[in-house]
Amino acid sequence: MTVGYMEMKDTVDARGLSCPQPVLLTISKLKKTNSKEIEVIVDNDVSKENVCRAATSQGWMVDNVLEETDQYKIHIRKV
């Protein structure tokens, strides 16, 4: 019997954390996940830039960065 499987997007909520914590959490999730998409939520420009750079260096692609009032949602996809 085959069980249906819906792929869920993993999320890293790094709001309130300062670098390098958002980067370390993101890299850890990238290495452990079976998902092809990850969303990282941060609340400052420095973390946004550093997470994007780290994801790219790990062979992932930053698909979209959604800027909201008090946070950024960074959508990362496996290449």
PDB file of N, CA and C in Angstrom:
ATOM      1  N   MET A   1       0.837  -1.176   0.000  1.00  0.00           N
ATOM      2  CA  MET A   1       0.000   0.000   0.000  1.00  0.00           C
ATOM      3  C   MET A   1       0.883   1.241   0.000  1.00  0.00           C
ATOM      4  N   THR A   2       0.567   2.201  -0.836  1.00  0.00           N
ATOM      5  CA  THR A   2       1.318   3.444  -0.921  1.00  0.00           C
ATOM      6  C   THR A   2       0.579   4.532  -0.159  1.00  0.00           C
ATOM      7  N   VAL A   3       1.303   5.215   0.672  1.00  0.00           N
ATOM      8  CA  VAL A   3       0.719   6.308   1.439  1.00  0.00           C
ATOM      9  C   VAL A   3       1.053   7.615   0.742  1.00  0.00           C
ATOM     10  N   GLY A   4       0.063   8.471   0.572  1.00  0.00           N
ATOM     11  CA  GLY A   4       0.291   9.766  -0.073  1.00  0.00           C
ATOM     12  C   GLY A   4       1.220  10.621   0.765  1.00  0.00           C
ATOM     13  N   TYR A   5       2.032  11.406   0.100  1.00  0.00           N
ATOM     14  CA  TYR A   5       2.995  12.250   0.801  1.00  0.00           C
ATOM     15  C   TYR A   5       2.916  13.646   0.230  1.00  0.00           C
ATOM     16  N   MET A   6       2.663  14.605   1.077  1.00  0.00           N
ATOM     17  CA  MET A   6       2.658  16.007   0.662  1.00  0.00           C
ATOM     18  C   MET A   6       3.908  16.661   1.234  1.00  0.00           C
ATOM     19  N   GLU A   7       4.711  17.201   0.369  1.00  0.00           N
ATOM     20  CA  GLU A   7       5.946  17.841   0.820  1.00  0.00           C
ATOM     21  C   GLU A   7       5.626  19.160   1.510  1.00  0.00           C
ATOM     22  N   MET A   8       6.143  19.298   2.707  1.00  0.00           N
ATOM     23  CA  MET A   8       5.921  20.505   3.496  1.00  0.00           C
ATOM     24  C   MET A   8       7.162  21.387   3.398  1.00  0.00           C
ATOM     25  N   LYS A   9       6.949  22.678   3.459  1.00  0.00           N
ATOM     26  CA  LYS A   9       8.062  23.623   3.438  1.00  0.00           C
ATOM     27  C   LYS A   9       8.546  23.822   4.873  1.00  0.00           C
ATOM     28  N   ASP A  10       9.831  23.677   5.087  1.00  0.00           N
ATOM     29  CA  ASP A  10      10.410  23.915   6.404  1.00  0.00           C
ATOM     30  C   ASP A  10      10.556  25.411   6.637  1.00  0.00           C
ATOM     31  N   THR A  11      10.466  25.802   7.896  1.00  0.00           N
ATOM     32  CA  THR A  11      10.591  27.213   8.253  1.00  0.00           C
ATOM     33  C   THR A  11      11.621  27.385   9.361  1.00  0.00           C
ATOM     34  N   VAL A  12      12.456  28.404   9.195  1.00  0.00           N
ATOM     35  CA  VAL A  12      13.387  28.818  10.244  1.00  0.00           C
ATOM     36  C   VAL A  12      12.927  30.199  10.688  1.00  0.00           C
ATOM     37  N   ASP A  13      12.521  30.308  11.944  1.00  0.00           N
ATOM     38  CA  ASP A  13      12.090  31.600  12.476  1.00  0.00           C
ATOM     39  C   ASP A  13      13.243  32.176  13.290  1.00  0.00           C
ATOM     40  N   ALA A  14      13.952  33.133  12.706  1.00  0.00           N
ATOM     41  CA  ALA A  14      15.127  33.715  13.358  1.00  0.00           C
ATOM     42  C   ALA A  14      14.872  35.166  13.769  1.00  0.00           C
ATOM     43  N   ARG A  15      13.609  35.531  13.922  1.00  0.00           N
ATOM     44  CA  ARG A  15      13.281  36.890  14.367  1.00  0.00           C
ATOM     45  C   ARG A  15      13.814  37.099  15.777  1.00  0.00           C
ATOM     46  N   GLY A  16      14.368  38.274  16.000  1.00  0.00           N
ATOM     47  CA  GLY A  16      14.883  38.611  17.324  1.00  0.00           C
ATOM     48  C   GLY A  16      16.308  38.137  17.559  1.00  0.00           C
ATOM     49  N   LEU A  17      16.875  37.428  16.601  1.00  0.00           N
ATOM     50  CA  LEU A  17      18.243  36.924  16.737  1.00  0.00           C
ATOM     51  C   LEU A  17      19.186  37.787  15.916  1.00  0.00           C
ATOM     52  N   SER A  18      20.398  37.958  16.416  1.00  0.00           N
ATOM     53  CA  SER A  18      21.391  38.715  15.653  1.00  0.00           C
ATOM     54  C   SER A  18      22.414  37.745  15.078  1.00  0.00           C
ATOM     55  N   CYS A  19      23.061  38.173  14.020  1.00  0.00           N
ATOM     56  CA  CYS A  19      24.048  37.331  13.352  1.00  0.00           C
ATOM     57  C   CYS A  19      25.179  37.002  14.322  1.00  0.00           C
ATOM     58  N   PRO A  20      25.686  35.804  14.249  1.00  0.00           N
ATOM     59  CA  PRO A  20      25.523  34.805  13.194  1.00  0.00           C
ATOM     60  C   PRO A  20      24.404  33.789  13.440  1.00  0.00           C
ATOM     61  N   GLN A  21      23.581  33.960  14.463  1.00  0.00           N
ATOM     62  CA  GLN A  21      22.572  32.950  14.786  1.00  0.00           C
ATOM     63  C   GLN A  21      21.610  32.617  13.641  1.00  0.00           C
ATOM     64  N   PRO A  22      21.022  33.596  12.925  1.00  0.00           N
ATOM     65  CA  PRO A  22      20.137  33.242  11.815  1.00  0.00           C
ATOM     66  C   PRO A  22      20.849  32.430  10.730  1.00  0.00           C
ATOM     67  N   VAL A  23      22.101  32.769  10.470  1.00  0.00           N
ATOM     68  CA  VAL A  23      22.880  32.042   9.462  1.00  0.00           C
ATOM     69  C   VAL A  23      23.132  30.606   9.924  1.00  0.00           C
ATOM     70  N   LEU A  24      23.537  30.438  11.172  1.00  0.00           N
ATOM     71  CA  LEU A  24      23.811  29.102  11.689  1.00  0.00           C
ATOM     72  C   LEU A  24      22.558  28.238  11.695  1.00  0.00           C
ATOM     73  N   LEU A  25      21.421  28.803  12.087  1.00  0.00           N
ATOM     74  CA  LEU A  25      20.162  28.055  12.073  1.00  0.00           C
ATOM     75  C   LEU A  25      19.773  27.659  10.649  1.00  0.00           C
ATOM     76  N   THR A  26      19.960  28.582   9.713  1.00  0.00           N
ATOM     77  CA  THR A  26      19.617  28.311   8.316  1.00  0.00           C
ATOM     78  C   THR A  26      20.498  27.211   7.743  1.00  0.00           C
ATOM     79  N   ILE A  27      21.797  27.307   7.939  1.00  0.00           N
ATOM     80  CA  ILE A  27      22.710  26.282   7.410  1.00  0.00           C
ATOM     81  C   ILE A  27      22.398  24.922   8.019  1.00  0.00           C
ATOM     82  N   SER A  28      22.114  24.886   9.302  1.00  0.00           N
ATOM     83  CA  SER A  28      21.755  23.632   9.953  1.00  0.00           C
ATOM     84  C   SER A  28      20.509  23.019   9.310  1.00  0.00           C
ATOM     85  N   LYS A  29      19.499  23.846   9.063  1.00  0.00           N
ATOM     86  CA  LYS A  29      18.262  23.359   8.439  1.00  0.00           C
ATOM     87  C   LYS A  29      18.516  22.886   7.013  1.00  0.00           C
ATOM     88  N   LEU A  30      19.336  23.625   6.258  1.00  0.00           N
ATOM     89  CA  LEU A  30      19.649  23.239   4.881  1.00  0.00           C
ATOM     90  C   LEU A  30      20.323  21.871   4.831  1.00  0.00           C
ATOM     91  N   LYS A  31      21.174  21.591   5.786  1.00  0.00           N
ATOM     92  CA  LYS A  31      21.913  20.327   5.809  1.00  0.00           C
ATOM     93  C   LYS A  31      21.046  19.157   6.263  1.00  0.00           C
ATOM     94  N   LYS A  32      20.024  19.426   7.080  1.00  0.00           N
ATOM     95  CA  LYS A  32      19.225  18.342   7.666  1.00  0.00           C
ATOM     96  C   LYS A  32      17.914  18.064   6.944  1.00  0.00           C
ATOM     97  N   THR A  33      17.429  19.009   6.159  1.00  0.00           N
ATOM     98  CA  THR A  33      16.086  18.880   5.599  1.00  0.00           C
ATOM     99  C   THR A  33      16.028  17.946   4.395  1.00  0.00           C
ATOM    100  N   ASN A  34      14.866  17.347   4.213  1.00  0.00           N
ATOM    101  CA  ASN A  34      14.576  16.576   3.002  1.00  0.00           C
ATOM    102  C   ASN A  34      13.721  17.411   2.052  1.00  0.00           C
ATOM    103  N   SER A  35      13.323  18.575   2.522  1.00  0.00           N
ATOM    104  CA  SER A  35      12.474  19.467   1.737  1.00  0.00           C
ATOM    105  C   SER A  35      13.291  20.153   0.646  1.00  0.00           C
ATOM    106  N   LYS A  36      12.609  20.537  -0.417  1.00  0.00           N
ATOM    107  CA  LYS A  36      13.272  21.261  -1.500  1.00  0.00           C
ATOM    108  C   LYS A  36      13.076  22.769  -1.360  1.00  0.00           C
ATOM    109  N   GLU A  37      12.301  23.174  -0.353  1.00  0.00           N
ATOM    110  CA  GLU A  37      12.047  24.600  -0.105  1.00  0.00           C
ATOM    111  C   GLU A  37      12.132  24.891   1.379  1.00  0.00           C
ATOM    112  N   ILE A  38      12.678  26.046   1.692  1.00  0.00           N
ATOM    113  CA  ILE A  38      12.774  26.488   3.076  1.00  0.00           C
ATOM    114  C   ILE A  38      12.397  27.965   3.112  1.00  0.00           C
ATOM    115  N   GLU A  39      11.712  28.357   4.165  1.00  0.00           N
ATOM    116  CA  GLU A  39      11.415  29.767   4.386  1.00  0.00           C
ATOM    117  C   GLU A  39      12.140  30.199   5.653  1.00  0.00           C
ATOM    118  N   VAL A  40      12.884  31.283   5.555  1.00  0.00           N
ATOM    119  CA  VAL A  40      13.589  31.824   6.716  1.00  0.00           C
ATOM    120  C   VAL A  40      12.994  33.198   7.003  1.00  0.00           C
ATOM    121  N   ILE A  41      12.630  33.419   8.265  1.00  0.00           N
ATOM    122  CA  ILE A  41      12.044  34.695   8.666  1.00  0.00           C
ATOM    123  C   ILE A  41      13.045  35.420   9.563  1.00  0.00           C
ATOM    124  N   VAL A  42      13.432  36.617   9.153  1.00  0.00           N
ATOM    125  CA  VAL A  42      14.350  37.446   9.937  1.00  0.00           C
ATOM    126  C   VAL A  42      13.754  38.847  10.060  1.00  0.00           C
ATOM    127  N   ASP A  43      14.321  39.635  10.968  1.00  0.00           N
ATOM    128  CA  ASP A  43      13.731  40.956  11.195  1.00  0.00           C
ATOM    129  C   ASP A  43      14.714  42.109  11.022  1.00  0.00           C
ATOM    130  N   ASN A  44      15.830  41.858  10.320  1.00  0.00           N
ATOM    131  CA  ASN A  44      16.745  42.975  10.048  1.00  0.00           C
ATOM    132  C   ASN A  44      17.504  42.745   8.750  1.00  0.00           C
ATOM    133  N   ASP A  45      17.990  43.840   8.177  1.00  0.00           N
ATOM    134  CA  ASP A  45      18.668  43.798   6.873  1.00  0.00           C
ATOM    135  C   ASP A  45      19.938  42.954   6.888  1.00  0.00           C
ATOM    136  N   VAL A  46      20.720  43.066   7.943  1.00  0.00           N
ATOM    137  CA  VAL A  46      21.987  42.339   8.010  1.00  0.00           C
ATOM    138  C   VAL A  46      21.734  40.833   7.977  1.00  0.00           C
ATOM    139  N   SER A  47      20.779  40.377   8.762  1.00  0.00           N
ATOM    140  CA  SER A  47      20.448  38.949   8.777  1.00  0.00           C
ATOM    141  C   SER A  47      19.927  38.499   7.415  1.00  0.00           C
ATOM    142  N   LYS A  48      19.102  39.335   6.792  1.00  0.00           N
ATOM    143  CA  LYS A  48      18.569  38.999   5.462  1.00  0.00           C
ATOM    144  C   LYS A  48      19.705  38.786   4.474  1.00  0.00           C
ATOM    145  N   GLU A  49      20.634  39.729   4.419  1.00  0.00           N
ATOM    146  CA  GLU A  49      21.755  39.628   3.484  1.00  0.00           C
ATOM    147  C   GLU A  49      22.637  38.416   3.786  1.00  0.00           C
ATOM    148  N   ASN A  50      22.926  38.199   5.059  1.00  0.00           N
ATOM    149  CA  ASN A  50      23.805  37.097   5.441  1.00  0.00           C
ATOM    150  C   ASN A  50      23.163  35.734   5.201  1.00  0.00           C
ATOM    151  N   VAL A  51      21.866  35.608   5.460  1.00  0.00           N
ATOM    152  CA  VAL A  51      21.164  34.340   5.203  1.00  0.00           C
ATOM    153  C   VAL A  51      21.138  34.053   3.704  1.00  0.00           C
ATOM    154  N   CYS A  52      20.869  35.064   2.903  1.00  0.00           N
ATOM    155  CA  CYS A  52      20.852  34.881   1.444  1.00  0.00           C
ATOM    156  C   CYS A  52      22.222  34.430   0.945  1.00  0.00           C
ATOM    157  N   ARG A  53      23.262  35.068   1.429  1.00  0.00           N
ATOM    158  CA  ARG A  53      24.624  34.716   1.036  1.00  0.00           C
ATOM    159  C   ARG A  53      24.967  33.281   1.466  1.00  0.00           C
ATOM    160  N   ALA A  54      24.600  32.929   2.689  1.00  0.00           N
ATOM    161  CA  ALA A  54      24.891  31.590   3.213  1.00  0.00           C
ATOM    162  C   ALA A  54      24.155  30.516   2.419  1.00  0.00           C
ATOM    163  N   ALA A  55      22.894  30.763   2.097  1.00  0.00           N
ATOM    164  CA  ALA A  55      22.112  29.785   1.336  1.00  0.00           C
ATOM    165  C   ALA A  55      22.742  29.536  -0.031  1.00  0.00           C
ATOM    166  N   THR A  56      23.141  30.607  -0.688  1.00  0.00           N
ATOM    167  CA  THR A  56      23.781  30.493  -1.994  1.00  0.00           C
ATOM    168  C   THR A  56      25.097  29.717  -1.894  1.00  0.00           C
ATOM    169  N   SER A  57      25.853  29.967  -0.845  1.00  0.00           N
ATOM    170  CA  SER A  57      27.137  29.278  -0.677  1.00  0.00           C
ATOM    171  C   SER A  57      26.956  27.781  -0.406  1.00  0.00           C
ATOM    172  N   GLN A  58      25.757  27.397   0.053  1.00  0.00           N
ATOM    173  CA  GLN A  58      25.461  25.987   0.319  1.00  0.00           C
ATOM    174  C   GLN A  58      24.821  25.295  -0.892  1.00  0.00           C
ATOM    175  N   GLY A  59      24.736  26.017  -2.015  1.00  0.00           N
ATOM    176  CA  GLY A  59      24.197  25.423  -3.237  1.00  0.00           C
ATOM    177  C   GLY A  59      22.685  25.542  -3.374  1.00  0.00           C
ATOM    178  N   TRP A  60      22.069  26.413  -2.600  1.00  0.00           N
ATOM    179  CA  TRP A  60      20.642  26.674  -2.693  1.00  0.00           C
ATOM    180  C   TRP A  60      20.429  27.998  -3.417  1.00  0.00           C
ATOM    181  N   MET A  61      19.206  28.242  -3.878  1.00  0.00           N
ATOM    182  CA  MET A  61      18.893  29.473  -4.592  1.00  0.00           C
ATOM    183  C   MET A  61      17.874  30.285  -3.793  1.00  0.00           C
ATOM    184  N   VAL A  62      18.120  31.569  -3.660  1.00  0.00           N
ATOM    185  CA  VAL A  62      17.146  32.449  -3.029  1.00  0.00           C
ATOM    186  C   VAL A  62      16.103  32.768  -4.093  1.00  0.00           C
ATOM    187  N   ASP A  63      14.921  32.224  -3.895  1.00  0.00           N
ATOM    188  CA  ASP A  63      13.842  32.327  -4.876  1.00  0.00           C
ATOM    189  C   ASP A  63      13.117  33.665  -4.776  1.00  0.00           C
ATOM    190  N   ASN A  64      12.941  34.155  -3.537  1.00  0.00           N
ATOM    191  CA  ASN A  64      12.168  35.368  -3.338  1.00  0.00           C
ATOM    192  C   ASN A  64      12.437  35.902  -1.930  1.00  0.00           C
ATOM    193  N   VAL A  65      12.432  37.207  -1.792  1.00  0.00           N
ATOM    194  CA  VAL A  65      12.506  37.835  -0.475  1.00  0.00           C
ATOM    195  C   VAL A  65      11.306  38.771  -0.367  1.00  0.00           C
ATOM    196  N   LEU A  66      10.409  38.431   0.547  1.00  0.00           N
ATOM    197  CA  LEU A  66       9.206  39.223   0.758  1.00  0.00           C
ATOM    198  C   LEU A  66       9.432  40.146   1.945  1.00  0.00           C
ATOM    199  N   GLU A  67       9.407  41.450   1.681  1.00  0.00           N
ATOM    200  CA  GLU A  67       9.605  42.424   2.748  1.00  0.00           C
ATOM    201  C   GLU A  67       8.248  42.823   3.307  1.00  0.00           C
ATOM    202  N   GLU A  68       8.067  42.571   4.596  1.00  0.00           N
ATOM    203  CA  GLU A  68       6.846  42.964   5.278  1.00  0.00           C
ATOM    204  C   GLU A  68       7.181  44.106   6.232  1.00  0.00           C
ATOM    205  N   THR A  69       6.224  44.583   6.977  1.00  0.00           N
ATOM    206  CA  THR A  69       6.416  45.739   7.841  1.00  0.00           C
ATOM    207  C   THR A  69       7.580  45.582   8.806  1.00  0.00           C
ATOM    208  N   ASP A  70       7.658  44.454   9.475  1.00  0.00           N
ATOM    209  CA  ASP A  70       8.684  44.285  10.508  1.00  0.00           C
ATOM    210  C   ASP A  70       9.516  43.032  10.333  1.00  0.00           C
ATOM    211  N   GLN A  71       9.491  42.450   9.139  1.00  0.00           N
ATOM    212  CA  GLN A  71      10.258  41.224   8.916  1.00  0.00           C
ATOM    213  C   GLN A  71      10.471  40.962   7.430  1.00  0.00           C
ATOM    214  N   TYR A  72      11.369  40.041   7.156  1.00  0.00           N
ATOM    215  CA  TYR A  72      11.618  39.552   5.804  1.00  0.00           C
ATOM    216  C   TYR A  72      11.341  38.058   5.781  1.00  0.00           C
ATOM    217  N   LYS A  73      10.661  37.582   4.746  1.00  0.00           N
ATOM    218  CA  LYS A  73      10.470  36.151   4.535  1.00  0.00           C
ATOM    219  C   LYS A  73      11.317  35.776   3.332  1.00  0.00           C
ATOM    220  N   ILE A  74      12.316  34.953   3.572  1.00  0.00           N
ATOM    221  CA  ILE A  74      13.258  34.560   2.528  1.00  0.00           C
ATOM    222  C   ILE A  74      12.906  33.146   2.086  1.00  0.00           C
ATOM    223  N   HIS A  75      12.542  33.006   0.820  1.00  0.00           N
ATOM    224  CA  HIS A  75      12.194  31.699   0.270  1.00  0.00           C
ATOM    225  C   HIS A  75      13.413  31.131  -0.446  1.00  0.00           C
ATOM    226  N   ILE A  76      13.850  29.980   0.018  1.00  0.00           N
ATOM    227  CA  ILE A  76      15.064  29.344  -0.496  1.00  0.00           C
ATOM    228  C   ILE A  76      14.667  28.013  -1.123  1.00  0.00           C
ATOM    229  N   ARG A  77      15.230  27.730  -2.307  1.00  0.00           N
ATOM    230  CA  ARG A  77      14.892  26.507  -3.036  1.00  0.00           C
ATOM    231  C   ARG A  77      16.161  25.746  -3.378  1.00  0.00           C
ATOM    232  N   LYS A  78      16.070  24.424  -3.294  1.00  0.00           N
ATOM    233  CA  LYS A  78      17.202  23.571  -3.643  1.00  0.00           C
ATOM    234  C   LYS A  78      17.408  23.597  -5.150  1.00  0.00           C
ATOM    235  N   VAL A  79      18.647  23.776  -5.562  1.00  0.00           N
ATOM    236  CA  VAL A  79      18.974  23.852  -6.991  1.00  0.00           C
ATOM    237  C   VAL A  79      19.136  22.454  -7.550  1.00  0.00           C
TER     238      VAL A  79
END
